[in-house]
Amino acid sequence: MVAKYDLSDDSVVVIIGTGAGGGTLANELAQKGIKVVSLEAGGRYLPQDFINDEWESFGQLAWLDKRTTSGDWRVARDFSGLPAWIVKAVGGTTTHWAGASLRFQEHEWKTLTHYGRVDGANLLDWPIDAAEMEPWYALAETKMGVTRTGGRPGLPGNSNFLVLEKGAKSLGYQDVHTGNMAINSIEYDGRMSCQQTGFCFQGCKWGAKWSTAYTEIPLGEETGFLEVRERSHVARIEHDAQGKVTAVVYFDADGQEQRQAARIVAVAGNSIESPRLLLNSASSMFPDGLANSSGQVGRNYMRHVTGSVYGVFDKPVRMWRGTTMAGIVRDEARHDPARGFVGGFELETLSLGLPFMAAFLNPGAWGREFTSALDNYENMAGMWIVGEDMPQETNRITVNSDDVDQFGLPTPNVNFDDHPNDVAMRNYAYAKGAEIYRAVGATQAYPTPPYPSTHNLGTNRMSENPRDGVVNRWGQTHDIPNLFVSDGSQFTTGAAENPTLTIVALAIRQADHIAREMAAGTI
């Protein structure tokens, strides 16, 4: 029986967001017999509802609420209202993600120690390390069915991967394969194997790709301890005279304001909405926003060093066939400052359908170069760069009380400027990508600038010392013991790896901590 809790029930854990962090946390707590109310701003869509059409699916799933952008990044110029392609639905961006599930490397937990001070960067060591996270990673990989772990085979390579593999290996790269993917290569956990449809970003119609929408959330509901309230847009978090959070105020599906009492609140709305909520919850006791005594809420926004490289060949590649992110080159993920930058990057296959390719290749473009690129679409191979970008205090989320959304709430502004290290890494990666394609006979190879990114990180970062960040090693805010952050906004630094596996591992670990502390009566 699906749970139904009273608005005045102050014994529940309220989790805001149902994505990789929030959805996992909800299920983990429910499995332990803890009462959970999950508030999700979007609706619920299951595999039968997903649409294998890029633009129609975008309209169904994307978070299109009002936002603004600033800074020197290309997104502010070309996609001013869309700083990130994230999902507004039960399951969050686990509906849209490609499935790449990679562990952080050991040095990436301690970047200040390994990289040293970098001018203009706000580097900080995580208060946890690879050894501590190893068992939680293993649990996450089993939960998600990650390929090439736990005896699960890798996915088959499509044409896009075979081109990447041949070019990369001819240049001497060795760590080249079809990736560690949370997409079933064989039937697993009651879900079928990947059918190679190629619409991974539009929601997996087969359920082969792990998503909290149809794994964690239903499992949590089956326990009778989890209630999910969809189309519930959170406005603010309230607290008592002692500074302890007591309730979450939200707008329901009818636009009516509701107030859910809470014993504990966990914020998991992504790296834009989570700091926005904390800032919008300012009070006389917390005039700068909740959990913001350090002034770090909203700061250190990271989105990974990204960009794409496309190669054009004299024969068809048809890169869109098969898994979207069909393979990876990991050799450049190492830290090697001799290359001219700190940190490293991955090269991952990527294909956009023709509608998205026309939109994102070079928005507003016209003329021979643009049209000839589209003419060569069938003969293209594509790859995506994912690299560690530098946290900067000035890269931040702020709220604008003069510009409100449909609920009258101050809207977020996303400010981002590339750090010189980011630029150096991207340019190096562009050259390597082009070299890979030319090595296998590309007649043309060219880079494209970053798209609106889904890897939103930082803004409520984890720190040992309260003055340096927002949450401690458990994702528990330094200022308010019964307020937690459970998404990628708690990342201290971004690493070179796609972040979802780490978000899930942290959520499993956090659930264990919350349950233990609840039992002890400390929160």
Protein backbone atom coordinates (compact mmCIF):
# COMPACT_ATOMS: atom_id res chain seq x y z
CA MET A 1 0.00 0.00 0.00
CA VAL A 2 1.37 3.42 -0.98
CA ALA A 3 1.87 5.63 2.05
CA LYS A 4 -0.19 8.75 2.69
CA TYR A 5 1.02 11.11 5.40
CA ASP A 6 -0.75 13.99 7.06
CA LEU A 7 0.58 17.49 6.43
CA SER A 8 1.00 17.94 10.18
CA ASP A 9 3.04 14.74 10.64
CA ASP A 10 6.34 16.07 11.93
CA SER A 11 7.95 12.62 12.13
CA VAL A 12 8.56 12.32 8.37
CA VAL A 13 11.71 12.93 6.37
CA VAL A 14 10.89 15.34 3.54
CA ILE A 15 13.06 14.93 0.45
CA ILE A 16 12.91 17.62 -2.22
CA GLY A 17 13.58 16.08 -5.63
CA THR A 18 13.46 12.49 -6.91
CA GLY A 19 16.55 12.26 -9.11
CA ALA A 20 19.80 10.32 -8.59
CA GLY A 21 20.29 11.66 -5.07
CA GLY A 22 16.75 12.29 -3.83
CA GLY A 23 15.19 9.21 -5.42
CA THR A 24 17.91 6.92 -4.10
CA LEU A 25 17.78 8.44 -0.62
CA ALA A 26 13.99 8.06 -0.52
CA ASN A 27 14.11 4.36 -1.33
CA GLU A 28 17.03 3.65 1.00
CA LEU A 29 15.24 5.29 3.94
CA ALA A 30 11.91 3.64 3.12
CA GLN A 31 13.61 0.24 3.01
CA LYS A 32 14.75 0.93 6.59
CA GLY A 33 11.18 1.62 7.70
CA ILE A 34 11.58 5.41 7.86
CA LYS A 35 8.60 7.54 6.82
CA VAL A 36 9.40 9.64 3.74
CA VAL A 37 7.55 12.32 1.79
CA SER A 38 9.18 13.09 -1.58
CA LEU A 39 8.19 16.35 -3.24
CA GLU A 40 8.74 16.49 -7.00
CA ALA A 41 8.12 19.63 -9.07
CA GLY A 42 7.36 17.67 -12.23
CA GLY A 43 4.95 14.94 -13.26
CA ARG A 44 5.42 11.20 -13.50
CA TYR A 45 6.35 9.59 -16.81
CA LEU A 46 7.09 5.90 -17.17
CA PRO A 47 8.73 4.09 -20.11
CA GLN A 48 5.46 3.77 -21.99
CA ASP A 49 5.09 7.57 -21.83
CA PHE A 50 8.52 8.46 -23.25
CA ILE A 51 8.65 9.89 -26.77
CA ASN A 52 11.26 8.90 -29.36
CA ASP A 53 11.33 12.37 -30.86
CA GLU A 54 13.92 14.88 -29.70
CA TRP A 55 11.92 18.10 -29.65
CA GLU A 56 8.65 16.59 -28.47
CA SER A 57 10.49 14.75 -25.69
CA PHE A 58 12.29 17.95 -24.72
CA GLY A 59 8.92 19.62 -24.29
CA GLN A 60 7.69 16.72 -22.17
CA LEU A 61 10.65 16.39 -19.80
CA ALA A 62 12.78 19.53 -19.70
CA TRP A 63 12.88 21.99 -16.80
CA LEU A 64 11.80 25.13 -18.64
CA ASP A 65 10.96 27.39 -15.67
CA LYS A 66 12.27 30.93 -15.85
CA ARG A 67 16.04 31.34 -15.45
CA THR A 68 18.66 33.84 -16.52
CA THR A 69 22.36 33.52 -17.27
CA SER A 70 25.42 35.73 -17.19
CA GLY A 71 29.17 35.44 -17.69
CA ASP A 72 31.43 34.80 -20.66
CA TRP A 73 30.25 31.24 -21.41
CA ARG A 74 28.68 30.56 -24.79
CA VAL A 75 25.47 29.31 -23.11
CA ALA A 76 24.71 32.81 -21.77
CA ARG A 77 24.82 34.16 -25.32
CA ASP A 78 23.05 31.41 -27.25
CA PHE A 79 20.80 29.74 -24.64
CA SER A 80 20.15 32.52 -22.14
CA GLY A 81 17.02 30.88 -20.72
CA LEU A 82 18.43 27.36 -20.71
CA PRO A 83 21.62 27.17 -18.66
CA ALA A 84 21.17 23.43 -18.23
CA TRP A 85 19.24 20.61 -19.88
CA ILE A 86 17.75 18.99 -16.80
CA VAL A 87 14.47 17.18 -16.26
CA LYS A 88 11.34 18.27 -14.39
CA ALA A 89 9.74 14.90 -13.65
CA VAL A 90 9.74 12.03 -11.19
CA GLY A 91 13.21 10.52 -11.61
CA GLY A 92 14.78 13.88 -12.34
CA THR A 93 17.64 13.88 -14.79
CA THR A 94 18.14 10.10 -14.41
CA THR A 95 15.44 10.03 -17.09
CA HIS A 96 17.62 12.04 -19.49
CA TRP A 97 21.15 10.95 -18.59
CA ALA A 98 23.25 8.80 -20.90
CA GLY A 99 24.16 6.19 -18.25
CA ALA A 100 27.95 6.61 -17.89
CA SER A 101 28.87 5.42 -14.39
CA LEU A 102 32.48 6.00 -13.47
CA ARG A 103 34.23 6.11 -10.11
CA PHE A 104 36.31 9.13 -9.14
CA GLN A 105 40.05 8.50 -9.26
CA GLU A 106 41.90 8.58 -5.95
CA HIS A 107 43.61 11.93 -6.54
CA GLU A 108 40.33 13.65 -7.45
CA TRP A 109 39.10 13.49 -3.84
CA LYS A 110 42.09 15.59 -2.77
CA THR A 111 42.68 18.13 -5.53
CA LEU A 112 44.18 20.87 -3.36
CA THR A 113 46.75 18.39 -2.09
CA HIS A 114 47.57 17.01 -5.56
CA TYR A 115 47.19 20.09 -7.75
CA GLY A 116 48.36 22.73 -5.30
CA ARG A 117 46.89 26.19 -5.31
CA VAL A 118 45.65 27.32 -8.73
CA ASP A 119 45.23 31.06 -9.25
CA GLY A 120 41.57 32.02 -9.43
CA ALA A 121 40.35 28.56 -8.41
CA ASN A 122 38.71 27.73 -5.09
CA LEU A 123 40.12 24.20 -4.79
CA LEU A 124 39.48 22.24 -1.62
CA ASP A 125 40.04 18.63 -0.58
CA TRP A 126 36.90 16.56 -0.01
CA PRO A 127 36.54 15.46 3.63
CA ILE A 128 36.21 11.85 2.36
CA ASP A 129 38.43 9.74 0.12
CA ALA A 130 38.49 6.82 -2.30
CA ALA A 131 39.02 4.17 0.37
CA GLU A 132 36.00 5.33 2.35
CA MET A 133 33.82 5.47 -0.76
CA GLU A 134 34.83 2.08 -2.21
CA PRO A 135 32.11 -0.02 -0.50
CA TRP A 136 29.44 2.59 -1.29
CA TYR A 137 30.51 2.64 -4.94
CA ALA A 138 30.19 -1.16 -5.01
CA LEU A 139 26.65 -0.95 -3.61
CA ALA A 140 25.74 1.73 -6.16
CA GLU A 141 27.13 -0.31 -9.07
CA THR A 142 25.10 -3.34 -7.99
CA LYS A 143 21.95 -1.24 -7.54
CA MET A 144 22.36 0.37 -10.96
CA GLY A 145 23.59 -2.73 -12.80
CA VAL A 146 26.73 -0.99 -14.06
CA THR A 147 28.41 -2.85 -16.92
CA ARG A 148 31.97 -4.11 -16.56
CA THR A 149 31.48 -4.35 -12.79
CA GLY A 150 30.18 -7.27 -10.73
CA GLY A 151 30.67 -9.70 -13.62
CA ARG A 152 28.23 -7.83 -15.86
CA PRO A 153 29.44 -7.67 -19.50
CA GLY A 154 29.94 -4.48 -21.45
CA LEU A 155 27.50 -3.25 -24.03
CA PRO A 156 28.22 -3.96 -27.73
CA GLY A 157 30.00 -1.27 -29.70
CA ASN A 158 28.11 0.59 -32.40
CA SER A 159 29.67 2.20 -35.48
CA ASN A 160 30.34 5.43 -33.63
CA PHE A 161 32.36 3.50 -31.04
CA LEU A 162 34.23 1.41 -33.61
CA VAL A 163 35.44 4.59 -35.31
CA LEU A 164 36.55 6.05 -31.95
CA GLU A 165 38.23 2.79 -30.90
CA LYS A 166 40.21 2.37 -34.11
CA GLY A 167 41.40 5.97 -34.12
CA ALA A 168 42.24 6.05 -30.41
CA LYS A 169 44.18 2.79 -30.45
CA SER A 170 46.12 3.84 -33.52
CA LEU A 171 47.34 6.81 -31.46
CA GLY A 172 48.41 4.54 -28.60
CA TYR A 173 45.47 5.02 -26.25
CA GLN A 174 44.80 1.82 -24.30
CA ASP A 175 41.90 2.46 -21.90
CA VAL A 176 39.26 2.33 -24.65
CA HIS A 177 36.01 0.37 -24.29
CA THR A 178 32.22 0.64 -24.37
CA GLY A 179 32.18 2.10 -20.89
CA ASN A 180 30.86 1.44 -17.43
CA MET A 181 27.20 2.07 -18.11
CA ALA A 182 24.07 1.83 -15.96
CA ILE A 183 22.33 0.29 -18.97
CA ASN A 184 21.59 -3.42 -18.91
CA SER A 185 23.79 -5.39 -21.29
CA ILE A 186 21.87 -8.51 -20.17
CA GLU A 187 18.53 -8.86 -18.41
CA TYR A 188 19.13 -7.64 -14.86
CA ASP A 189 17.06 -6.78 -11.81
CA GLY A 190 13.80 -7.52 -13.60
CA ARG A 191 14.58 -5.15 -16.48
CA MET A 192 15.39 -6.15 -20.07
CA SER A 193 18.67 -5.55 -21.85
CA CYS A 194 19.38 -2.54 -24.04
CA GLN A 195 17.58 -2.69 -27.40
CA GLN A 196 19.98 -0.17 -29.00
CA THR A 197 17.19 2.22 -29.97
CA GLY A 198 19.40 5.29 -29.61
CA PHE A 199 17.02 7.60 -27.71
CA CYS A 200 18.80 7.43 -24.34
CA PHE A 201 18.33 11.17 -23.71
CA GLN A 202 14.57 10.95 -24.31
CA GLY A 203 13.88 8.37 -21.60
CA CYS A 204 14.54 4.67 -22.11
CA LYS A 205 11.34 3.09 -23.42
CA TRP A 206 12.68 -0.36 -22.53
CA GLY A 207 13.62 0.41 -18.93
CA ALA A 208 17.09 -0.97 -19.63
CA LYS A 209 18.73 2.25 -18.43
CA TRP A 210 18.69 2.76 -14.67
CA SER A 211 16.44 5.62 -13.60
CA THR A 212 14.97 6.31 -10.17
CA ALA A 213 11.65 6.89 -11.99
CA TYR A 214 11.07 3.16 -12.41
CA THR A 215 13.59 1.56 -10.02
CA GLU A 216 14.10 3.36 -6.70
CA ILE A 217 10.78 5.23 -6.50
CA PRO A 218 8.45 2.25 -7.08
CA LEU A 219 10.58 0.07 -4.79
CA GLY A 220 10.31 2.68 -2.07
CA GLU A 221 6.57 3.00 -2.54
CA GLU A 222 6.15 -0.78 -2.24
CA THR A 223 7.47 -0.63 1.33
CA GLY A 224 4.51 1.46 2.43
CA PHE A 225 6.83 4.10 3.86
CA LEU A 226 7.28 6.41 0.85
CA GLU A 227 4.75 8.94 -0.44
CA VAL A 228 5.67 10.78 -3.64
CA ARG A 229 3.80 14.00 -4.35
CA GLU A 230 4.31 14.96 -7.96
CA ARG A 231 3.76 18.46 -9.36
CA SER A 232 4.71 19.87 -5.96
CA HIS A 233 6.96 22.90 -6.41
CA VAL A 234 8.81 23.78 -3.22
CA ALA A 235 8.87 27.46 -2.28
CA ARG A 236 10.80 27.56 1.01
CA ILE A 237 11.92 25.67 4.08
CA GLU A 238 10.79 26.90 7.50
CA HIS A 239 12.54 26.67 10.87
CA ASP A 240 11.81 27.25 14.54
CA ALA A 241 13.28 29.70 17.07
CA GLN A 242 16.20 27.37 17.70
CA GLY A 243 17.10 27.29 14.00
CA LYS A 244 15.96 23.71 13.44
CA VAL A 245 14.04 23.13 10.19
CA THR A 246 10.42 22.21 10.83
CA ALA A 247 8.49 22.25 7.55
CA VAL A 248 8.55 22.59 3.78
CA VAL A 249 6.14 24.96 2.03
CA TYR A 250 5.21 24.04 -1.54
CA PHE A 251 2.69 24.73 -4.28
CA ASP A 252 0.63 21.69 -5.20
CA ALA A 253 -0.64 20.65 -8.63
CA ASP A 254 -3.51 23.16 -8.34
CA GLY A 255 -1.18 26.02 -7.42
CA GLN A 256 -2.35 25.97 -3.80
CA GLU A 257 0.20 26.57 -1.06
CA GLN A 258 0.71 23.60 1.27
CA ARG A 259 2.90 23.09 4.34
CA GLN A 260 4.39 19.69 5.17
CA ALA A 261 5.84 19.34 8.67
CA ALA A 262 9.17 17.50 8.89
CA ARG A 263 11.62 15.94 11.31
CA ILE A 264 14.40 16.12 8.71
CA VAL A 265 14.63 17.85 5.32
CA ALA A 266 16.91 16.73 2.48
CA VAL A 267 17.38 19.03 -0.50
CA ALA A 268 18.03 17.24 -3.80
CA GLY A 269 16.85 19.61 -6.50
CA ASN A 270 20.14 19.86 -8.49
CA SER A 271 22.90 22.47 -8.37
CA ILE A 272 20.65 25.32 -9.52
CA GLU A 273 17.39 24.70 -7.67
CA SER A 274 18.95 23.52 -4.39
CA PRO A 275 20.91 26.71 -3.65
CA ARG A 276 18.01 28.74 -4.99
CA LEU A 277 15.74 27.12 -2.40
CA LEU A 278 18.19 27.75 0.45
CA LEU A 279 18.59 31.39 -0.60
CA ASN A 280 14.82 31.85 -0.99
CA SER A 281 14.35 30.47 2.54
CA ALA A 282 16.13 33.45 4.14
CA SER A 283 14.69 34.64 7.45
CA SER A 284 15.56 37.09 10.22
CA MET A 285 17.66 34.34 11.85
CA PHE A 286 19.26 33.38 8.51
CA PRO A 287 19.24 36.65 6.52
CA ASP A 288 21.62 35.29 3.85
CA GLY A 289 19.68 32.06 3.34
CA LEU A 290 19.62 28.73 5.14
CA ALA A 291 22.95 27.00 5.87
CA ASN A 292 24.85 29.98 4.51
CA SER A 293 26.99 31.21 7.41
CA SER A 294 30.02 30.57 5.19
CA GLY A 295 28.60 32.60 2.30
CA GLN A 296 29.26 29.56 0.09
CA VAL A 297 25.65 28.68 -0.82
CA GLY A 298 25.37 29.08 -4.58
CA ARG A 299 29.11 29.48 -5.10
CA ASN A 300 31.62 27.19 -6.84
CA TYR A 301 29.21 26.18 -9.61
CA MET A 302 30.82 23.62 -11.91
CA ARG A 303 29.50 22.07 -15.11
CA HIS A 304 32.53 20.12 -16.36
CA VAL A 305 34.82 21.17 -19.19
CA THR A 306 32.77 20.09 -22.17
CA GLY A 307 32.65 20.44 -25.91
CA SER A 308 32.29 18.10 -28.87
CA VAL A 309 34.40 16.95 -31.78
CA TYR A 310 32.85 15.61 -34.97
CA GLY A 311 34.62 13.75 -37.75
CA VAL A 312 33.32 13.50 -41.30
CA PHE A 313 34.16 10.39 -43.33
CA ASP A 314 33.74 9.35 -46.93
CA LYS A 315 31.43 6.50 -45.93
CA PRO A 316 28.36 6.39 -43.67
CA VAL A 317 28.86 6.00 -39.91
CA ARG A 318 25.26 6.54 -38.81
CA MET A 319 26.37 7.50 -35.32
CA TRP A 320 22.80 7.75 -34.05
CA ARG A 321 22.30 3.98 -34.19
CA GLY A 322 22.70 2.21 -30.85
CA THR A 323 23.52 3.47 -27.37
CA THR A 324 24.02 7.23 -27.33
CA MET A 325 27.15 7.13 -25.17
CA ALA A 326 28.58 3.99 -26.72
CA GLY A 327 32.23 4.18 -25.72
CA ILE A 328 34.98 5.99 -23.89
CA VAL A 329 38.69 6.84 -23.94
CA ARG A 330 39.98 7.21 -20.36
CA ASP A 331 43.74 7.62 -20.89
CA GLU A 332 43.60 11.42 -20.63
CA ALA A 333 41.70 11.36 -17.30
CA ARG A 334 45.00 11.31 -15.41
CA HIS A 335 46.48 14.34 -13.65
CA ASP A 336 49.50 15.39 -15.71
CA PRO A 337 50.32 19.12 -15.53
CA ALA A 338 52.92 18.67 -18.30
CA ARG A 339 49.96 18.96 -20.69
CA GLY A 340 49.45 22.57 -19.58
CA PHE A 341 46.59 22.12 -17.11
CA VAL A 342 45.71 20.34 -13.89
CA GLY A 343 43.19 17.49 -13.81
CA GLY A 344 42.09 15.38 -16.71
CA PHE A 345 39.27 14.57 -19.11
CA GLU A 346 37.38 11.71 -20.73
CA LEU A 347 36.44 11.39 -24.40
CA GLU A 348 33.03 9.75 -24.80
CA THR A 349 31.06 8.97 -27.94
CA LEU A 350 28.00 11.12 -28.40
CA SER A 351 25.41 11.48 -31.11
CA LEU A 352 22.66 14.03 -31.49
CA GLY A 353 19.69 13.46 -33.73
CA LEU A 354 19.40 15.73 -36.74
CA PRO A 355 16.92 18.15 -35.06
CA PHE A 356 19.22 18.69 -32.05
CA MET A 357 22.29 18.75 -34.27
CA ALA A 358 20.78 21.62 -36.28
CA ALA A 359 19.93 23.51 -33.09
CA PHE A 360 23.14 23.02 -31.13
CA LEU A 361 25.82 22.81 -33.84
CA ASN A 362 25.96 26.58 -34.13
CA PRO A 363 22.71 28.34 -33.19
CA GLY A 364 21.61 30.99 -35.61
CA ALA A 365 24.21 29.90 -38.13
CA TRP A 366 23.72 30.03 -41.84
CA GLY A 367 25.83 29.51 -44.87
CA ARG A 368 28.02 26.92 -46.53
CA GLU A 369 29.90 25.60 -43.47
CA PHE A 370 26.74 25.01 -41.44
CA THR A 371 24.71 23.44 -44.26
CA SER A 372 27.58 21.25 -45.46
CA ALA A 373 27.94 19.89 -41.93
CA LEU A 374 24.28 18.89 -41.92
CA ASP A 375 24.62 17.47 -45.43
CA ASN A 376 27.35 15.17 -44.07
CA TYR A 377 25.31 14.05 -41.06
CA GLU A 378 25.11 10.40 -42.13
CA ASN A 379 28.90 10.24 -42.52
CA MET A 380 29.66 11.80 -39.11
CA ALA A 381 31.13 10.35 -35.95
CA GLY A 382 30.87 12.32 -32.73
CA MET A 383 32.49 12.49 -29.33
CA TRP A 384 31.98 14.57 -26.20
CA ILE A 385 34.64 15.97 -23.87
CA VAL A 386 34.07 15.60 -20.11
CA GLY A 387 36.78 17.18 -17.99
CA GLU A 388 37.35 18.53 -14.52
CA ASP A 389 36.63 22.25 -14.37
CA MET A 390 37.88 24.55 -11.66
CA PRO A 391 35.54 25.67 -8.86
CA GLN A 392 35.42 29.45 -8.69
CA GLU A 393 33.61 31.50 -6.07
CA THR A 394 32.34 33.88 -8.74
CA ASN A 395 30.74 31.04 -10.70
CA ARG A 396 27.54 31.00 -8.76
CA ILE A 397 23.77 30.80 -8.47
CA THR A 398 22.04 33.92 -7.18
CA VAL A 399 18.36 34.82 -6.93
CA ASN A 400 16.67 37.86 -8.39
CA SER A 401 13.71 39.14 -6.37
CA ASP A 402 12.82 41.55 -9.19
CA ASP A 403 12.31 38.65 -11.61
CA VAL A 404 9.83 36.05 -10.34
CA ASP A 405 8.54 32.75 -11.69
CA GLN A 406 4.99 31.46 -12.12
CA PHE A 407 4.67 31.07 -8.34
CA GLY A 408 6.02 34.52 -7.53
CA LEU A 409 9.35 33.09 -6.35
CA PRO A 410 12.66 34.88 -7.08
CA THR A 411 14.29 33.22 -10.08
CA PRO A 412 17.84 31.91 -10.27
CA ASN A 413 20.63 33.45 -12.29
CA VAL A 414 23.51 31.22 -13.33
CA ASN A 415 26.81 33.06 -13.71
CA PHE A 416 29.74 31.21 -15.24
CA ASP A 417 33.14 32.20 -16.61
CA ASP A 418 35.68 29.70 -17.89
CA HIS A 419 38.85 29.43 -15.83
CA PRO A 420 42.10 29.52 -17.86
CA ASN A 421 42.67 25.90 -16.84
CA ASP A 422 39.29 25.00 -18.37
CA VAL A 423 40.20 26.71 -21.65
CA ALA A 424 43.60 25.02 -21.82
CA MET A 425 42.07 21.60 -21.17
CA ARG A 426 39.29 22.09 -23.73
CA ASN A 427 41.69 23.21 -26.46
CA TYR A 428 43.99 20.26 -25.77
CA ALA A 429 41.01 17.88 -25.85
CA TYR A 430 39.71 19.38 -29.10
CA ALA A 431 43.09 18.71 -30.72
CA LYS A 432 43.19 15.13 -29.42
CA GLY A 433 39.67 14.43 -30.61
CA ALA A 434 40.43 15.69 -34.09
CA GLU A 435 43.65 13.67 -34.11
CA ILE A 436 41.70 10.48 -33.30
CA TYR A 437 39.34 11.00 -36.21
CA ARG A 438 42.06 11.97 -38.68
CA ALA A 439 44.01 8.85 -37.71
CA VAL A 440 41.14 6.76 -39.03
CA GLY A 441 40.63 8.70 -42.26
CA ALA A 442 38.34 11.62 -41.46
CA THR A 443 38.10 14.04 -44.37
CA GLN A 444 37.18 16.78 -41.91
CA ALA A 445 37.30 17.09 -38.10
CA TYR A 446 36.02 20.05 -36.21
CA PRO A 447 35.13 21.08 -32.66
CA THR A 448 31.84 22.54 -31.48
CA PRO A 449 31.47 24.70 -28.38
CA PRO A 450 29.73 23.43 -25.20
CA TYR A 451 26.00 22.82 -25.18
CA PRO A 452 23.77 23.52 -22.17
CA SER A 453 25.21 21.00 -19.74
CA THR A 454 23.52 18.44 -17.55
CA HIS A 455 26.52 17.98 -15.25
CA ASN A 456 25.66 20.63 -12.70
CA LEU A 457 27.91 20.40 -9.64
CA GLY A 458 28.96 22.36 -6.58
CA THR A 459 27.00 25.31 -5.10
CA ASN A 460 26.49 23.61 -1.67
CA ARG A 461 29.86 22.03 -1.33
CA MET A 462 31.14 19.55 1.21
CA SER A 463 33.92 20.74 3.52
CA GLU A 464 35.73 19.71 6.68
CA ASN A 465 35.62 23.23 8.08
CA PRO A 466 32.25 25.06 8.21
CA ARG A 467 33.82 28.27 6.94
CA ASP A 468 34.79 26.61 3.64
CA GLY A 469 31.51 25.06 2.55
CA VAL A 470 27.88 24.26 3.25
CA VAL A 471 27.70 20.58 4.29
CA ASN A 472 29.87 18.15 6.22
CA ARG A 473 31.10 14.71 5.16
CA TRP A 474 27.56 13.28 5.41
CA GLY A 475 25.89 16.00 3.35
CA GLN A 476 24.52 17.44 6.60
CA THR A 477 24.56 21.24 6.65
CA HIS A 478 27.10 22.71 9.03
CA ASP A 479 24.58 25.22 10.38
CA ILE A 480 21.40 23.13 10.74
CA PRO A 481 21.75 19.49 11.94
CA ASN A 482 18.41 18.29 10.53
CA LEU A 483 18.91 19.81 7.07
CA PHE A 484 20.77 17.77 4.45
CA VAL A 485 21.88 18.19 0.83
CA SER A 486 21.64 15.01 -1.23
CA ASP A 487 22.49 15.89 -4.84
CA GLY A 488 25.48 16.94 -6.95
CA SER A 489 25.50 20.39 -5.38
CA GLN A 490 27.42 18.88 -2.43
CA PHE A 491 30.41 18.11 -4.68
CA THR A 492 33.58 19.79 -3.40
CA THR A 493 35.25 19.42 -6.78
CA GLY A 494 33.95 17.87 -9.99
CA ALA A 495 36.54 15.27 -11.09
CA ALA A 496 36.75 14.14 -14.73
CA GLU A 497 34.02 11.50 -14.40
CA ASN A 498 30.29 11.70 -15.10
CA PRO A 499 28.82 12.39 -11.65
CA THR A 500 25.72 10.18 -11.27
CA LEU A 501 27.41 7.09 -9.80
CA THR A 502 29.02 9.25 -7.12
CA ILE A 503 25.72 11.00 -6.34
CA VAL A 504 24.05 7.60 -5.88
CA ALA A 505 26.90 6.22 -3.74
CA LEU A 506 26.78 9.31 -1.51
CA ALA A 507 22.99 8.98 -1.18
CA ILE A 508 23.22 5.33 -0.04
CA ARG A 509 25.89 6.32 2.47
CA GLN A 510 23.86 9.33 3.63
CA ALA A 511 20.77 7.19 4.19
CA ASP A 512 22.79 4.88 6.39
CA HIS A 513 23.99 7.87 8.42
CA ILE A 514 20.52 9.45 8.73
CA ALA A 515 18.96 6.18 9.88
CA ARG A 516 21.69 5.67 12.46
CA GLU A 517 21.39 9.22 13.82
CA MET A 518 17.58 9.03 13.91
CA ALA A 519 17.78 5.80 15.90
CA ALA A 520 20.20 7.45 18.31
CA GLY A 521 17.88 10.45 18.65
CA THR A 522 20.55 12.95 17.62
CA ILE A 523 18.46 14.35 14.74
